[in-house]
N, C-alpha and C. Protein backbone atom coordinates (compact mmCIF):
# COMPACT_ATOMS: atom_id res chain seq x y z
N MET A 1 30.36 55.59 -54.03
CA MET A 1 29.69 54.45 -53.48
C MET A 1 30.45 53.20 -53.89
N ALA A 2 30.72 52.34 -52.93
CA ALA A 2 31.45 51.11 -53.21
C ALA A 2 30.52 50.07 -53.82
N THR A 3 31.03 49.33 -54.79
CA THR A 3 30.31 48.20 -55.37
C THR A 3 31.17 46.96 -55.18
N VAL A 4 30.58 45.94 -54.56
CA VAL A 4 31.26 44.68 -54.31
C VAL A 4 30.75 43.67 -55.33
N LEU A 5 31.64 43.12 -56.16
CA LEU A 5 31.25 42.11 -57.14
C LEU A 5 31.41 40.74 -56.53
N THR A 6 30.40 39.90 -56.70
CA THR A 6 30.45 38.53 -56.20
C THR A 6 29.66 37.65 -57.17
N ARG A 7 29.58 36.39 -56.89
CA ARG A 7 28.86 35.44 -57.74
C ARG A 7 27.77 34.77 -56.92
N PRO A 8 26.72 34.26 -57.59
CA PRO A 8 25.65 33.58 -56.87
C PRO A 8 26.12 32.26 -56.27
N THR A 9 25.48 31.90 -55.16
CA THR A 9 25.76 30.63 -54.52
C THR A 9 25.29 29.47 -55.41
N ASN A 10 24.10 29.63 -55.97
CA ASN A 10 23.58 28.70 -56.98
C ASN A 10 22.69 29.51 -57.91
N GLY A 11 21.84 28.91 -58.66
CA GLY A 11 21.07 29.65 -59.65
C GLY A 11 20.05 30.63 -59.12
N VAL A 12 19.53 30.44 -57.91
CA VAL A 12 18.47 31.31 -57.41
C VAL A 12 18.70 31.84 -56.00
N SER A 13 19.65 31.29 -55.27
CA SER A 13 19.91 31.71 -53.89
C SER A 13 21.29 32.34 -53.79
N PHE A 14 21.37 33.40 -52.98
CA PHE A 14 22.60 34.16 -52.90
C PHE A 14 22.91 34.50 -51.46
N GLY A 15 24.17 34.48 -51.11
CA GLY A 15 24.58 34.86 -49.78
C GLY A 15 25.93 35.54 -49.84
N TYR A 16 26.09 36.61 -49.07
CA TYR A 16 27.37 37.31 -49.05
C TYR A 16 27.54 38.00 -47.71
N LYS A 17 28.76 37.92 -47.18
CA LYS A 17 29.10 38.58 -45.93
C LYS A 17 30.12 39.65 -46.25
N HIS A 18 29.80 40.90 -45.95
CA HIS A 18 30.66 42.04 -46.31
C HIS A 18 30.99 42.86 -45.07
N THR A 19 32.27 43.07 -44.84
CA THR A 19 32.69 43.95 -43.75
C THR A 19 32.71 45.38 -44.28
N VAL A 20 31.97 46.25 -43.62
CA VAL A 20 31.85 47.65 -44.04
C VAL A 20 33.21 48.33 -43.93
N THR A 21 33.63 48.97 -45.01
CA THR A 21 34.90 49.69 -45.04
C THR A 21 34.68 51.15 -44.65
N ALA A 22 35.78 51.85 -44.42
CA ALA A 22 35.69 53.28 -44.13
C ALA A 22 35.07 54.02 -45.32
N GLN A 23 35.40 53.58 -46.54
CA GLN A 23 34.82 54.23 -47.73
C GLN A 23 33.32 54.00 -47.81
N ASP A 24 32.86 52.78 -47.49
CA ASP A 24 31.42 52.49 -47.47
C ASP A 24 30.71 53.44 -46.49
N ALA A 25 31.31 53.59 -45.31
CA ALA A 25 30.71 54.45 -44.28
C ALA A 25 30.68 55.90 -44.74
N THR A 26 31.75 56.36 -45.39
CA THR A 26 31.80 57.72 -45.91
C THR A 26 30.75 57.94 -46.99
N ASP A 27 30.58 56.94 -47.87
CA ASP A 27 29.61 57.02 -48.97
C ASP A 27 28.17 56.81 -48.50
N ASN A 28 28.00 56.32 -47.27
CA ASN A 28 26.68 56.04 -46.70
C ASN A 28 25.94 54.91 -47.42
N SER A 29 26.65 54.11 -48.24
CA SER A 29 25.99 52.99 -48.91
C SER A 29 27.02 52.04 -49.49
N VAL A 30 26.55 50.83 -49.78
CA VAL A 30 27.36 49.84 -50.46
C VAL A 30 26.43 49.01 -51.35
N ILE A 31 26.90 48.65 -52.54
CA ILE A 31 26.13 47.80 -53.44
C ILE A 31 26.81 46.44 -53.51
N ILE A 32 26.02 45.40 -53.28
CA ILE A 32 26.48 44.03 -53.46
C ILE A 32 25.93 43.60 -54.82
N ASP A 33 26.81 43.33 -55.77
CA ASP A 33 26.41 42.99 -57.14
C ASP A 33 26.69 41.51 -57.39
N PHE A 34 25.61 40.73 -57.49
CA PHE A 34 25.73 39.29 -57.72
C PHE A 34 25.92 38.94 -59.19
N GLN A 35 25.93 39.94 -60.06
CA GLN A 35 26.22 39.77 -61.48
C GLN A 35 25.30 38.77 -62.18
N VAL A 36 24.00 38.92 -61.92
CA VAL A 36 23.00 38.13 -62.62
C VAL A 36 22.04 39.10 -63.31
N ASP A 37 21.29 38.61 -64.29
CA ASP A 37 20.45 39.50 -65.08
C ASP A 37 18.97 39.45 -64.69
N PHE A 38 18.69 39.25 -63.41
CA PHE A 38 17.30 39.26 -62.93
C PHE A 38 17.24 39.93 -61.57
N GLY A 39 16.02 40.35 -61.21
CA GLY A 39 15.82 41.03 -59.94
C GLY A 39 15.96 40.10 -58.74
N LEU A 40 16.27 40.68 -57.60
CA LEU A 40 16.44 39.94 -56.36
C LEU A 40 15.54 40.52 -55.27
N VAL A 41 15.28 39.72 -54.27
CA VAL A 41 14.69 40.19 -53.01
C VAL A 41 15.68 39.79 -51.93
N ALA A 42 15.91 40.67 -50.96
CA ALA A 42 16.99 40.41 -50.00
C ALA A 42 16.58 40.70 -48.56
N MET A 43 17.27 40.04 -47.65
CA MET A 43 17.21 40.29 -46.23
C MET A 43 18.63 40.61 -45.80
N VAL A 44 18.78 41.66 -45.00
CA VAL A 44 20.11 42.07 -44.56
C VAL A 44 20.14 42.11 -43.03
N MET A 45 21.14 41.47 -42.45
CA MET A 45 21.38 41.52 -41.01
C MET A 45 22.72 42.19 -40.79
N VAL A 46 22.87 42.89 -39.67
CA VAL A 46 24.11 43.59 -39.37
C VAL A 46 24.63 43.12 -38.01
N THR A 47 25.93 42.79 -37.96
CA THR A 47 26.56 42.45 -36.69
C THR A 47 27.79 43.32 -36.49
N ARG A 48 28.18 43.46 -35.22
CA ARG A 48 29.36 44.24 -34.85
C ARG A 48 30.18 43.39 -33.91
N ALA A 49 31.48 43.32 -34.15
CA ALA A 49 32.37 42.53 -33.29
C ALA A 49 32.53 43.23 -31.94
N ASP A 50 32.52 42.43 -30.89
CA ASP A 50 32.84 42.94 -29.56
C ASP A 50 33.66 41.87 -28.83
N ALA A 51 33.96 42.09 -27.58
CA ALA A 51 34.82 41.16 -26.83
C ALA A 51 34.21 39.77 -26.73
N GLN A 52 32.89 39.67 -26.81
CA GLN A 52 32.20 38.38 -26.69
C GLN A 52 32.02 37.68 -28.02
N GLY A 53 32.33 38.33 -29.12
CA GLY A 53 32.10 37.77 -30.45
C GLY A 53 31.36 38.78 -31.30
N ALA A 54 30.30 38.35 -31.97
CA ALA A 54 29.51 39.24 -32.81
C ALA A 54 28.17 39.54 -32.14
N GLU A 55 27.77 40.78 -32.20
CA GLU A 55 26.51 41.21 -31.61
C GLU A 55 25.60 41.74 -32.71
N TYR A 56 24.34 41.34 -32.67
CA TYR A 56 23.36 41.80 -33.65
C TYR A 56 23.12 43.29 -33.47
N ILE A 57 23.06 44.03 -34.57
CA ILE A 57 22.77 45.46 -34.54
C ILE A 57 21.37 45.67 -35.11
N ASP A 58 20.55 46.40 -34.39
CA ASP A 58 19.19 46.70 -34.86
C ASP A 58 19.29 47.52 -36.14
N PRO A 59 18.70 47.03 -37.24
CA PRO A 59 18.81 47.77 -38.50
C PRO A 59 17.98 49.05 -38.53
N GLY A 60 17.10 49.23 -37.54
CA GLY A 60 16.32 50.46 -37.46
C GLY A 60 15.70 50.83 -38.79
N ASP A 61 16.07 51.99 -39.31
CA ASP A 61 15.50 52.47 -40.58
C ASP A 61 16.47 52.29 -41.75
N MET A 62 17.33 51.26 -41.66
CA MET A 62 18.24 50.94 -42.76
C MET A 62 17.45 50.85 -44.05
N LYS A 63 18.03 51.33 -45.13
CA LYS A 63 17.37 51.27 -46.43
C LYS A 63 18.03 50.19 -47.29
N VAL A 64 17.20 49.35 -47.88
CA VAL A 64 17.66 48.32 -48.81
C VAL A 64 16.87 48.52 -50.09
N ASP A 65 17.59 48.65 -51.21
CA ASP A 65 16.90 48.76 -52.49
C ASP A 65 17.70 48.03 -53.56
N TYR A 66 17.19 48.08 -54.77
CA TYR A 66 17.73 47.30 -55.86
C TYR A 66 17.96 48.21 -57.07
N PRO A 67 19.16 48.80 -57.19
CA PRO A 67 19.42 49.78 -58.25
C PRO A 67 19.43 49.18 -59.66
N ALA A 68 19.70 47.88 -59.78
CA ALA A 68 19.73 47.22 -61.09
C ALA A 68 19.55 45.72 -60.86
N ASN A 69 19.26 44.99 -61.93
CA ASN A 69 19.15 43.54 -61.81
C ASN A 69 20.41 42.97 -61.17
N GLY A 70 20.22 42.06 -60.22
CA GLY A 70 21.34 41.39 -59.57
C GLY A 70 22.03 42.18 -58.48
N GLN A 71 21.55 43.39 -58.19
CA GLN A 71 22.21 44.24 -57.20
C GLN A 71 21.32 44.50 -55.99
N VAL A 72 21.97 44.54 -54.82
CA VAL A 72 21.31 44.90 -53.56
C VAL A 72 22.12 46.05 -52.98
N ARG A 73 21.45 47.19 -52.73
CA ARG A 73 22.14 48.34 -52.13
C ARG A 73 21.66 48.51 -50.70
N VAL A 74 22.62 48.65 -49.77
CA VAL A 74 22.33 48.91 -48.37
C VAL A 74 22.78 50.34 -48.07
N ARG A 75 21.87 51.14 -47.50
CA ARG A 75 22.16 52.55 -47.24
C ARG A 75 21.82 52.94 -45.82
N ASP A 76 22.44 54.04 -45.39
CA ASP A 76 22.07 54.64 -44.11
C ASP A 76 20.58 54.91 -44.08
N GLY A 77 20.02 54.87 -42.88
CA GLY A 77 18.63 55.26 -42.71
C GLY A 77 18.51 56.76 -42.53
N ASP A 78 17.31 57.21 -42.27
CA ASP A 78 17.08 58.65 -42.07
C ASP A 78 17.56 59.12 -40.71
N SER A 79 17.50 58.24 -39.70
CA SER A 79 17.89 58.70 -38.37
C SER A 79 18.52 57.65 -37.47
N SER A 80 18.09 56.38 -37.56
CA SER A 80 18.54 55.42 -36.54
C SER A 80 19.58 54.41 -37.01
N PHE A 81 19.89 54.34 -38.29
CA PHE A 81 20.91 53.38 -38.75
C PHE A 81 21.96 54.09 -39.57
N THR A 82 23.22 53.78 -39.26
CA THR A 82 24.36 54.33 -40.01
C THR A 82 25.34 53.20 -40.29
N LEU A 83 25.79 53.09 -41.53
CA LEU A 83 26.86 52.13 -41.84
C LEU A 83 28.10 52.55 -41.08
N THR A 84 28.69 51.60 -40.36
CA THR A 84 29.86 51.89 -39.54
C THR A 84 30.99 50.96 -39.94
N ALA A 85 32.17 51.53 -40.20
CA ALA A 85 33.33 50.71 -40.59
C ALA A 85 33.55 49.61 -39.57
N GLY A 86 33.74 48.39 -40.07
CA GLY A 86 33.96 47.24 -39.20
C GLY A 86 32.71 46.40 -38.98
N ASP A 87 31.53 47.01 -39.16
CA ASP A 87 30.30 46.23 -39.05
C ASP A 87 30.26 45.22 -40.19
N VAL A 88 29.52 44.14 -39.98
CA VAL A 88 29.42 43.10 -41.00
C VAL A 88 27.99 43.02 -41.50
N LEU A 89 27.82 43.14 -42.82
CA LEU A 89 26.52 42.98 -43.45
C LEU A 89 26.38 41.53 -43.90
N HIS A 90 25.30 40.89 -43.54
CA HIS A 90 25.00 39.53 -43.95
C HIS A 90 23.83 39.64 -44.92
N VAL A 91 24.09 39.46 -46.21
CA VAL A 91 23.07 39.65 -47.24
C VAL A 91 22.63 38.29 -47.76
N ILE A 92 21.35 38.00 -47.61
CA ILE A 92 20.75 36.79 -48.14
C ILE A 92 19.73 37.23 -49.18
N ALA A 93 19.87 36.76 -50.40
CA ALA A 93 18.96 37.18 -51.47
C ALA A 93 18.50 35.98 -52.28
N ASN A 94 17.34 36.13 -52.87
CA ASN A 94 16.78 35.11 -53.76
C ASN A 94 16.25 35.77 -55.01
N LYS A 95 16.11 34.97 -56.03
CA LYS A 95 15.53 35.45 -57.28
C LYS A 95 14.12 35.96 -57.01
N ASP A 96 13.79 37.12 -57.53
CA ASP A 96 12.48 37.72 -57.30
C ASP A 96 11.44 37.03 -58.16
N SER A 97 10.61 36.21 -57.53
CA SER A 97 9.61 35.46 -58.28
C SER A 97 8.37 36.28 -58.61
N SER A 98 8.25 37.49 -58.05
CA SER A 98 7.08 38.31 -58.36
C SER A 98 7.12 38.83 -59.80
N ALA A 99 8.27 38.74 -60.44
CA ALA A 99 8.41 39.20 -61.83
C ALA A 99 7.92 38.16 -62.84
N PHE A 100 7.63 36.95 -62.35
CA PHE A 100 7.20 35.89 -63.25
C PHE A 100 5.68 35.86 -63.38
N THR A 101 5.22 35.46 -64.53
CA THR A 101 3.78 35.24 -64.71
C THR A 101 3.56 33.74 -64.89
N PHE A 102 2.48 33.27 -64.32
CA PHE A 102 2.20 31.82 -64.36
C PHE A 102 0.97 31.55 -65.17
């Protein structure tokens, strides 16, 4: 499984654009590691290049989880979503505020 190391945009908001590699597609997953010591919540969008530019890909049953603090893992779904080399993952994440007590 590929792990992509990156840094946060600022202290609580994160953004990363990752082009899926052949290895990511073979491994059926990729981890985006923002290298912070707290949990994240993320939204992932997928686009595919075509003659007109980029086209949105329906994420279907794409799986997104958080294997460790600061990490977002995107995986193939059970039936309708597959990581495909050349597709672009747009990962937007924020610090998980549900872990805080007020």
